[in-house]
Amino acid sequence: MTVTLMWEAAAAEGRGPELLDWARAQAPALPGTPRRREFLTAPGDRVLVITWWDAPYDAELPELPDPDPVLVRREIHRWRFMSVSVEPRA
């Protein structure tokens, strides 16, 4: 089974690059090795980190902590999903 963890933060104004650097520095220090890890950004200085794990849905998995409050403008959002299918590229 593949479990996907999503961590999303909205950076404080003008701090998007700093928040991305923070997330990229934190991720490798977490215990365990995900199958895949991806970092994404979006307008509004949003940072998204997605990790894929070979684990049961309710497994205890390492997640990014909350960054220093000065880096973000709102609470961190976290989601957990279970893969149900993988489609080929079009």
PDB file of N, CA and C in Angstrom:
ATOM      1  N   MET A   1       0.848  -1.172   0.000  1.00  0.00           N
ATOM      2  CA  MET A   1       0.000   0.000   0.000  1.00  0.00           C
ATOM      3  C   MET A   1       0.893   1.235   0.000  1.00  0.00           C
ATOM      4  N   THR A   2       0.457   2.264  -0.708  1.00  0.00           N
ATOM      5  CA  THR A   2       1.189   3.530  -0.730  1.00  0.00           C
ATOM      6  C   THR A   2       0.362   4.601  -0.024  1.00  0.00           C
ATOM      7  N   VAL A   3       0.991   5.228   0.945  1.00  0.00           N
ATOM      8  CA  VAL A   3       0.380   6.340   1.672  1.00  0.00           C
ATOM      9  C   VAL A   3       1.112   7.611   1.267  1.00  0.00           C
ATOM     10  N   THR A   4       0.347   8.648   1.008  1.00  0.00           N
ATOM     11  CA  THR A   4       0.925   9.933   0.621  1.00  0.00           C
ATOM     12  C   THR A   4       0.626  10.961   1.702  1.00  0.00           C
ATOM     13  N   LEU A   5       1.677  11.621   2.171  1.00  0.00           N
ATOM     14  CA  LEU A   5       1.513  12.704   3.143  1.00  0.00           C
ATOM     15  C   LEU A   5       1.733  14.026   2.422  1.00  0.00           C
ATOM     16  N   MET A   6       0.852  14.981   2.698  1.00  0.00           N
ATOM     17  CA  MET A   6       0.982  16.317   2.113  1.00  0.00           C
ATOM     18  C   MET A   6       1.088  17.323   3.253  1.00  0.00           C
ATOM     19  N   TRP A   7       2.039  18.238   3.106  1.00  0.00           N
ATOM     20  CA  TRP A   7       2.291  19.304   4.090  1.00  0.00           C
ATOM     21  C   TRP A   7       2.278  20.601   3.305  1.00  0.00           C
ATOM     22  N   GLU A   8       1.404  21.525   3.685  1.00  0.00           N
ATOM     23  CA  GLU A   8       1.286  22.780   2.925  1.00  0.00           C
ATOM     24  C   GLU A   8       1.321  23.965   3.878  1.00  0.00           C
ATOM     25  N   ALA A   9       2.115  24.965   3.499  1.00  0.00           N
ATOM     26  CA  ALA A   9       2.255  26.166   4.315  1.00  0.00           C
ATOM     27  C   ALA A   9       2.189  27.400   3.423  1.00  0.00           C
ATOM     28  N   ALA A  10       1.616  28.454   3.946  1.00  0.00           N
ATOM     29  CA  ALA A  10       1.595  29.748   3.268  1.00  0.00           C
ATOM     30  C   ALA A  10       2.596  30.645   3.988  1.00  0.00           C
ATOM     31  N   ALA A  11       3.611  31.053   3.248  1.00  0.00           N
ATOM     32  CA  ALA A  11       4.678  31.852   3.840  1.00  0.00           C
ATOM     33  C   ALA A  11       4.204  33.258   4.189  1.00  0.00           C
ATOM     34  N   ALA A  12       4.833  33.826   5.195  1.00  0.00           N
ATOM     35  CA  ALA A  12       4.629  35.240   5.497  1.00  0.00           C
ATOM     36  C   ALA A  12       5.084  36.024   4.264  1.00  0.00           C
ATOM     37  N   GLU A  13       4.554  37.212   4.094  1.00  0.00           N
ATOM     38  CA  GLU A  13       4.834  38.004   2.899  1.00  0.00           C
ATOM     39  C   GLU A  13       6.334  38.096   2.606  1.00  0.00           C
ATOM     40  N   GLY A  14       6.687  37.717   1.383  1.00  0.00           N
ATOM     41  CA  GLY A  14       8.061  37.804   0.934  1.00  0.00           C
ATOM     42  C   GLY A  14       8.995  36.720   1.455  1.00  0.00           C
ATOM     43  N   ARG A  15       8.461  35.745   2.211  1.00  0.00           N
ATOM     44  CA  ARG A  15       9.324  34.731   2.827  1.00  0.00           C
ATOM     45  C   ARG A  15       9.196  33.359   2.190  1.00  0.00           C
ATOM     46  N   GLY A  16       8.584  33.292   0.997  1.00  0.00           N
ATOM     47  CA  GLY A  16       8.415  32.017   0.306  1.00  0.00           C
ATOM     48  C   GLY A  16       9.712  31.274   0.062  1.00  0.00           C
ATOM     49  N   PRO A  17      10.726  31.930  -0.510  1.00  0.00           N
ATOM     50  CA  PRO A  17      11.988  31.222  -0.735  1.00  0.00           C
ATOM     51  C   PRO A  17      12.626  30.714   0.559  1.00  0.00           C
ATOM     52  N   GLU A  18      12.518  31.496   1.615  1.00  0.00           N
ATOM     53  CA  GLU A  18      13.083  31.085   2.908  1.00  0.00           C
ATOM     54  C   GLU A  18      12.335  29.877   3.471  1.00  0.00           C
ATOM     55  N   LEU A  19      10.997  29.883   3.332  1.00  0.00           N
ATOM     56  CA  LEU A  19      10.199  28.752   3.802  1.00  0.00           C
ATOM     57  C   LEU A  19      10.528  27.490   3.000  1.00  0.00           C
ATOM     58  N   LEU A  20      10.685  27.623   1.690  1.00  0.00           N
ATOM     59  CA  LEU A  20      11.062  26.478   0.859  1.00  0.00           C
ATOM     60  C   LEU A  20      12.422  25.934   1.282  1.00  0.00           C
ATOM     61  N   ASP A  21      13.386  26.810   1.501  1.00  0.00           N
ATOM     62  CA  ASP A  21      14.709  26.375   1.959  1.00  0.00           C
ATOM     63  C   ASP A  21      14.608  25.650   3.298  1.00  0.00           C
ATOM     64  N   TRP A  22      13.777  26.155   4.189  1.00  0.00           N
ATOM     65  CA  TRP A  22      13.590  25.534   5.503  1.00  0.00           C
ATOM     66  C   TRP A  22      13.035  24.121   5.325  1.00  0.00           C
ATOM     67  N   ALA A  23      11.989  23.975   4.513  1.00  0.00           N
ATOM     68  CA  ALA A  23      11.368  22.661   4.306  1.00  0.00           C
ATOM     69  C   ALA A  23      12.359  21.689   3.675  1.00  0.00           C
ATOM     70  N   ARG A  24      13.122  22.158   2.703  1.00  0.00           N
ATOM     71  CA  ARG A  24      14.095  21.281   2.038  1.00  0.00           C
ATOM     72  C   ARG A  24      15.205  20.852   2.991  1.00  0.00           C
ATOM     73  N   ALA A  25      15.538  21.670   3.950  1.00  0.00           N
ATOM     74  CA  ALA A  25      16.564  21.315   4.936  1.00  0.00           C
ATOM     75  C   ALA A  25      16.017  20.342   5.991  1.00  0.00           C
ATOM     76  N   GLN A  26      14.736  20.473   6.336  1.00  0.00           N
ATOM     77  CA  GLN A  26      14.131  19.629   7.366  1.00  0.00           C
ATOM     78  C   GLN A  26      13.866  18.209   6.880  1.00  0.00           C
ATOM     79  N   ALA A  27      13.399  18.070   5.658  1.00  0.00           N
ATOM     80  CA  ALA A  27      12.917  16.781   5.158  1.00  0.00           C
ATOM     81  C   ALA A  27      13.938  15.655   5.249  1.00  0.00           C
ATOM     82  N   PRO A  28      15.178  15.847   4.814  1.00  0.00           N
ATOM     83  CA  PRO A  28      16.127  14.728   4.887  1.00  0.00           C
ATOM     84  C   PRO A  28      16.488  14.314   6.317  1.00  0.00           C
ATOM     85  N   ALA A  29      16.263  15.186   7.283  1.00  0.00           N
ATOM     86  CA  ALA A  29      16.608  14.885   8.674  1.00  0.00           C
ATOM     87  C   ALA A  29      15.548  14.036   9.366  1.00  0.00           C
ATOM     88  N   LEU A  30      14.377  13.873   8.742  1.00  0.00           N
ATOM     89  CA  LEU A  30      13.315  13.074   9.341  1.00  0.00           C
ATOM     90  C   LEU A  30      13.702  11.597   9.304  1.00  0.00           C
ATOM     91  N   PRO A  31      13.244  10.811  10.286  1.00  0.00           N
ATOM     92  CA  PRO A  31      13.563   9.379  10.266  1.00  0.00           C
ATOM     93  C   PRO A  31      12.835   8.666   9.122  1.00  0.00           C
ATOM     94  N   GLY A  32      13.430   7.607   8.635  1.00  0.00           N
ATOM     95  CA  GLY A  32      12.809   6.824   7.573  1.00  0.00           C
ATOM     96  C   GLY A  32      13.124   7.399   6.200  1.00  0.00           C
ATOM     97  N   THR A  33      12.859   6.593   5.193  1.00  0.00           N
ATOM     98  CA  THR A  33      13.114   7.011   3.819  1.00  0.00           C
ATOM     99  C   THR A  33      11.849   6.839   3.002  1.00  0.00           C
ATOM    100  N   PRO A  34      11.265   7.934   2.542  1.00  0.00           N
ATOM    101  CA  PRO A  34      10.066   7.793   1.715  1.00  0.00           C
ATOM    102  C   PRO A  34      10.434   7.225   0.347  1.00  0.00           C
ATOM    103  N   ARG A  35       9.466   6.682  -0.300  1.00  0.00           N
ATOM    104  CA  ARG A  35       9.653   6.185  -1.654  1.00  0.00           C
ATOM    105  C   ARG A  35       9.964   7.332  -2.604  1.00  0.00           C
ATOM    106  N   ARG A  36       9.357   8.476  -2.322  1.00  0.00           N
ATOM    107  CA  ARG A  36       9.543   9.676  -3.147  1.00  0.00           C
ATOM    108  C   ARG A  36       9.226  10.893  -2.291  1.00  0.00           C
ATOM    109  N   ARG A  37       9.891  12.008  -2.593  1.00  0.00           N
ATOM    110  CA  ARG A  37       9.623  13.273  -1.899  1.00  0.00           C
ATOM    111  C   ARG A  37       9.638  14.367  -2.958  1.00  0.00           C
ATOM    112  N   GLU A  38       8.646  15.240  -2.925  1.00  0.00           N
ATOM    113  CA  GLU A  38       8.568  16.310  -3.919  1.00  0.00           C
ATOM    114  C   GLU A  38       8.245  17.630  -3.228  1.00  0.00           C
ATOM    115  N   PHE A  39       8.901  18.689  -3.691  1.00  0.00           N
ATOM    116  CA  PHE A  39       8.683  20.042  -3.168  1.00  0.00           C
ATOM    117  C   PHE A  39       8.050  20.863  -4.282  1.00  0.00           C
ATOM    118  N   LEU A  40       6.977  21.595  -3.961  1.00  0.00           N
ATOM    119  CA  LEU A  40       6.288  22.403  -4.950  1.00  0.00           C
ATOM    120  C   LEU A  40       6.027  23.795  -4.373  1.00  0.00           C
ATOM    121  N   THR A  41       5.887  24.756  -5.254  1.00  0.00           N
ATOM    122  CA  THR A  41       5.505  26.104  -4.837  1.00  0.00           C
ATOM    123  C   THR A  41       4.333  26.561  -5.686  1.00  0.00           C
ATOM    124  N   ALA A  42       3.628  27.568  -5.193  1.00  0.00           N
ATOM    125  CA  ALA A  42       2.475  28.128  -5.898  1.00  0.00           C
ATOM    126  C   ALA A  42       2.414  29.616  -5.607  1.00  0.00           C
ATOM    127  N   PRO A  43       1.671  30.354  -6.440  1.00  0.00           N
ATOM    128  CA  PRO A  43       1.510  31.782  -6.170  1.00  0.00           C
ATOM    129  C   PRO A  43       1.037  32.011  -4.734  1.00  0.00           C
ATOM    130  N   GLY A  44       1.380  33.148  -4.216  1.00  0.00           N
ATOM    131  CA  GLY A  44       1.020  33.463  -2.838  1.00  0.00           C
ATOM    132  C   GLY A  44       2.032  32.906  -1.850  1.00  0.00           C
ATOM    133  N   ASP A  45       3.240  32.591  -2.348  1.00  0.00           N
ATOM    134  CA  ASP A  45       4.302  32.071  -1.491  1.00  0.00           C
ATOM    135  C   ASP A  45       3.864  30.833  -0.715  1.00  0.00           C
ATOM    136  N   ARG A  46       3.169  29.916  -1.414  1.00  0.00           N
ATOM    137  CA  ARG A  46       2.769  28.661  -0.787  1.00  0.00           C
ATOM    138  C   ARG A  46       3.811  27.593  -1.100  1.00  0.00           C
ATOM    139  N   VAL A  47       4.062  26.735  -0.117  1.00  0.00           N
ATOM    140  CA  VAL A  47       5.022  25.643  -0.252  1.00  0.00           C
ATOM    141  C   VAL A  47       4.295  24.344   0.081  1.00  0.00           C
ATOM    142  N   LEU A  48       4.488  23.354  -0.779  1.00  0.00           N
ATOM    143  CA  LEU A  48       3.859  22.049  -0.597  1.00  0.00           C
ATOM    144  C   LEU A  48       4.945  20.987  -0.635  1.00  0.00           C
ATOM    145  N   VAL A  49       4.906  20.080   0.337  1.00  0.00           N
ATOM    146  CA  VAL A  49       5.827  18.946   0.363  1.00  0.00           C
ATOM    147  C   VAL A  49       4.965  17.682   0.361  1.00  0.00           C
ATOM    148  N   ILE A  50       5.247  16.796  -0.595  1.00  0.00           N
ATOM    149  CA  ILE A  50       4.507  15.543  -0.718  1.00  0.00           C
ATOM    150  C   ILE A  50       5.506  14.402  -0.571  1.00  0.00           C
ATOM    151  N   THR A  51       5.164  13.433   0.269  1.00  0.00           N
ATOM    152  CA  THR A  51       6.000  12.241   0.409  1.00  0.00           C
ATOM    153  C   THR A  51       5.138  11.001   0.203  1.00  0.00           C
ATOM    154  N   TRP A  52       5.726  10.002  -0.441  1.00  0.00           N
ATOM    155  CA  TRP A  52       5.060   8.722  -0.696  1.00  0.00           C
ATOM    156  C   TRP A  52       5.770   7.653   0.126  1.00  0.00           C
ATOM    157  N   TRP A  53       4.995   6.829   0.823  1.00  0.00           N
ATOM    158  CA  TRP A  53       5.547   5.803   1.713  1.00  0.00           C
ATOM    159  C   TRP A  53       4.919   4.447   1.413  1.00  0.00           C
ATOM    160  N   ASP A  54       5.717   3.392   1.474  1.00  0.00           N
ATOM    161  CA  ASP A  54       5.195   2.029   1.433  1.00  0.00           C
ATOM    162  C   ASP A  54       4.827   1.678   2.865  1.00  0.00           C
ATOM    163  N   ALA A  55       3.547   1.850   3.196  1.00  0.00           N
ATOM    164  CA  ALA A  55       3.108   1.649   4.580  1.00  0.00           C
ATOM    165  C   ALA A  55       1.585   1.553   4.613  1.00  0.00           C
ATOM    166  N   PRO A  56       1.039   0.981   5.685  1.00  0.00           N
ATOM    167  CA  PRO A  56      -0.413   0.995   5.857  1.00  0.00           C
ATOM    168  C   PRO A  56      -0.901   2.428   6.086  1.00  0.00           C
ATOM    169  N   TYR A  57      -2.154   2.662   5.802  1.00  0.00           N
ATOM    170  CA  TYR A  57      -2.713   4.013   5.916  1.00  0.00           C
ATOM    171  C   TYR A  57      -2.509   4.614   7.300  1.00  0.00           C
ATOM    172  N   ASP A  58      -2.675   3.803   8.332  1.00  0.00           N
ATOM    173  CA  ASP A  58      -2.602   4.335   9.698  1.00  0.00           C
ATOM    174  C   ASP A  58      -1.202   4.220  10.317  1.00  0.00           C
ATOM    175  N   ALA A  59      -0.194   3.941   9.500  1.00  0.00           N
ATOM    176  CA  ALA A  59       1.180   3.829  10.016  1.00  0.00           C
ATOM    177  C   ALA A  59       1.648   5.148  10.614  1.00  0.00           C
ATOM    178  N   GLU A  60       2.493   5.040  11.615  1.00  0.00           N
ATOM    179  CA  GLU A  60       3.114   6.235  12.185  1.00  0.00           C
ATOM    180  C   GLU A  60       4.275   6.626  11.271  1.00  0.00           C
ATOM    181  N   LEU A  61       4.139   7.765  10.620  1.00  0.00           N
ATOM    182  CA  LEU A  61       5.137   8.223   9.651  1.00  0.00           C
ATOM    183  C   LEU A  61       5.658   9.598  10.052  1.00  0.00           C
ATOM    184  N   PRO A  62       6.915   9.887   9.739  1.00  0.00           N
ATOM    185  CA  PRO A  62       7.474  11.190  10.102  1.00  0.00           C
ATOM    186  C   PRO A  62       6.906  12.303   9.229  1.00  0.00           C
ATOM    187  N   GLU A  63       6.573  13.404   9.855  1.00  0.00           N
ATOM    188  CA  GLU A  63       6.037  14.554   9.129  1.00  0.00           C
ATOM    189  C   GLU A  63       6.876  15.782   9.450  1.00  0.00           C
ATOM    190  N   LEU A  64       6.886  16.708   8.518  1.00  0.00           N
ATOM    191  CA  LEU A  64       7.587  17.964   8.777  1.00  0.00           C
ATOM    192  C   LEU A  64       6.965  18.655   9.982  1.00  0.00           C
ATOM    193  N   PRO A  65       7.781  19.249  10.827  1.00  0.00           N
ATOM    194  CA  PRO A  65       7.243  19.998  11.965  1.00  0.00           C
ATOM    195  C   PRO A  65       6.701  21.350  11.494  1.00  0.00           C
ATOM    196  N   ASP A  66       6.147  22.080  12.415  1.00  0.00           N
ATOM    197  CA  ASP A  66       5.742  23.452  12.112  1.00  0.00           C
ATOM    198  C   ASP A  66       6.998  24.324  12.081  1.00  0.00           C
ATOM    199  N   PRO A  67       7.103  25.200  11.100  1.00  0.00           N
ATOM    200  CA  PRO A  67       8.254  26.108  11.060  1.00  0.00           C
ATOM    201  C   PRO A  67       8.102  27.223  12.090  1.00  0.00           C
ATOM    202  N   ASP A  68       9.131  28.012  12.233  1.00  0.00           N
ATOM    203  CA  ASP A  68       9.079  29.187  13.100  1.00  0.00           C
ATOM    204  C   ASP A  68       7.885  30.037  12.655  1.00  0.00           C
ATOM    205  N   PRO A  69       7.058  30.481  13.575  1.00  0.00           N
ATOM    206  CA  PRO A  69       5.867  31.257  13.213  1.00  0.00           C
ATOM    207  C   PRO A  69       6.145  32.492  12.363  1.00  0.00           C
ATOM    208  N   VAL A  70       7.340  33.047  12.427  1.00  0.00           N
ATOM    209  CA  VAL A  70       7.623  34.236  11.615  1.00  0.00           C
ATOM    210  C   VAL A  70       7.689  33.902  10.129  1.00  0.00           C
ATOM    211  N   LEU A  71       7.839  32.618   9.778  1.00  0.00           N
ATOM    212  CA  LEU A  71       7.911  32.222   8.371  1.00  0.00           C
ATOM    213  C   LEU A  71       6.552  32.032   7.716  1.00  0.00           C
ATOM    214  N   VAL A  72       5.496  31.872   8.507  1.00  0.00           N
ATOM    215  CA  VAL A  72       4.182  31.545   7.935  1.00  0.00           C
ATOM    216  C   VAL A  72       3.116  32.563   8.314  1.00  0.00           C
ATOM    217  N   ARG A  73       2.071  32.605   7.501  1.00  0.00           N
ATOM    218  CA  ARG A  73       0.984  33.550   7.783  1.00  0.00           C
ATOM    219  C   ARG A  73      -0.289  32.867   8.277  1.00  0.00           C
ATOM    220  N   ARG A  74      -0.267  31.551   8.326  1.00  0.00           N
ATOM    221  CA  ARG A  74      -1.415  30.818   8.865  1.00  0.00           C
ATOM    222  C   ARG A  74      -0.957  29.440   9.306  1.00  0.00           C
ATOM    223  N   GLU A  75      -1.864  28.704   9.917  1.00  0.00           N
ATOM    224  CA  GLU A  75      -1.577  27.361  10.401  1.00  0.00           C
ATOM    225  C   GLU A  75      -1.181  26.433   9.240  1.00  0.00           C
ATOM    226  N   ILE A  76      -0.306  25.480   9.501  1.00  0.00           N
ATOM    227  CA  ILE A  76       0.117  24.491   8.522  1.00  0.00           C
ATOM    228  C   ILE A  76      -1.041  23.532   8.247  1.00  0.00           C
ATOM    229  N   HIS A  77      -1.192  23.125   6.995  1.00  0.00           N
ATOM    230  CA  HIS A  77      -2.207  22.135   6.630  1.00  0.00           C
ATOM    231  C   HIS A  77      -1.512  20.818   6.337  1.00  0.00           C
ATOM    232  N   ARG A  78      -2.089  19.733   6.825  1.00  0.00           N
ATOM    233  CA  ARG A  78      -1.554  18.386   6.594  1.00  0.00           C
ATOM    234  C   ARG A  78      -2.693  17.470   6.168  1.00  0.00           C
ATOM    235  N   TRP A  79      -2.395  16.617   5.176  1.00  0.00           N
ATOM    236  CA  TRP A  79      -3.372  15.633   4.707  1.00  0.00           C
ATOM    237  C   TRP A  79      -2.676  14.302   4.520  1.00  0.00           C
ATOM    238  N   ARG A  80      -3.444  13.232   4.589  1.00  0.00           N
ATOM    239  CA  ARG A  80      -2.948  11.868   4.353  1.00  0.00           C
ATOM    240  C   ARG A  80      -3.906  11.216   3.365  1.00  0.00           C
ATOM    241  N   PHE A  81      -3.324  10.600   2.338  1.00  0.00           N
ATOM    242  CA  PHE A  81      -4.097   9.936   1.300  1.00  0.00           C
ATOM    243  C   PHE A  81      -3.564   8.531   1.088  1.00  0.00           C
ATOM    244  N   MET A  82      -4.408   7.672   0.529  1.00  0.00           N
ATOM    245  CA  MET A  82      -4.014   6.330   0.144  1.00  0.00           C
ATOM    246  C   MET A  82      -4.146   6.232  -1.371  1.00  0.00           C
ATOM    247  N   SER A  83      -3.115   5.727  -2.026  1.00  0.00           N
ATOM    248  CA  SER A  83      -3.140   5.577  -3.477  1.00  0.00           C
ATOM    249  C   SER A  83      -4.122   4.478  -3.857  1.00  0.00           C
ATOM    250  N   VAL A  84      -4.976   4.744  -4.848  1.00  0.00           N
ATOM    251  CA  VAL A  84      -5.919   3.742  -5.332  1.00  0.00           C
ATOM    252  C   VAL A  84      -5.636   3.322  -6.767  1.00  0.00           C
ATOM    253  N   SER A  85      -4.926   4.172  -7.523  1.00  0.00           N
ATOM    254  CA  SER A  85      -4.510   3.783  -8.862  1.00  0.00           C
ATOM    255  C   SER A  85      -3.471   4.764  -9.380  1.00  0.00           C
ATOM    256  N   VAL A  86      -2.681   4.287 -10.330  1.00  0.00           N
ATOM    257  CA  VAL A  86      -1.697   5.131 -11.007  1.00  0.00           C
ATOM    258  C   VAL A  86      -1.988   5.018 -12.487  1.00  0.00           C
ATOM    259  N   GLU A  87      -2.290   6.130 -13.105  1.00  0.00           N
ATOM    260  CA  GLU A  87      -2.635   6.164 -14.526  1.00  0.00           C
ATOM    261  C   GLU A  87      -1.405   6.483 -15.354  1.00  0.00           C
ATOM    262  N   PRO A  88      -1.303   5.937 -16.546  1.00  0.00           N
ATOM    263  CA  PRO A  88      -0.174   6.319 -17.402  1.00  0.00           C
ATOM    264  C   PRO A  88      -0.329   7.748 -17.887  1.00  0.00           C
ATOM    265  N   ARG A  89       0.807   8.339 -18.257  1.00  0.00           N
ATOM    266  CA  ARG A  89       0.764   9.709 -18.793  1.00  0.00           C
ATOM    267  C   ARG A  89       0.046   9.722 -20.132  1.00  0.00           C
ATOM    268  N   ALA A  90      -0.591  10.837 -20.416  1.00  0.00           N
ATOM    269  CA  ALA A  90      -1.311  10.969 -21.694  1.00  0.00           C
ATOM    270  C   ALA A  90      -0.355  11.249 -22.838  1.00  0.00           C
TER     271      ALA A  90
END
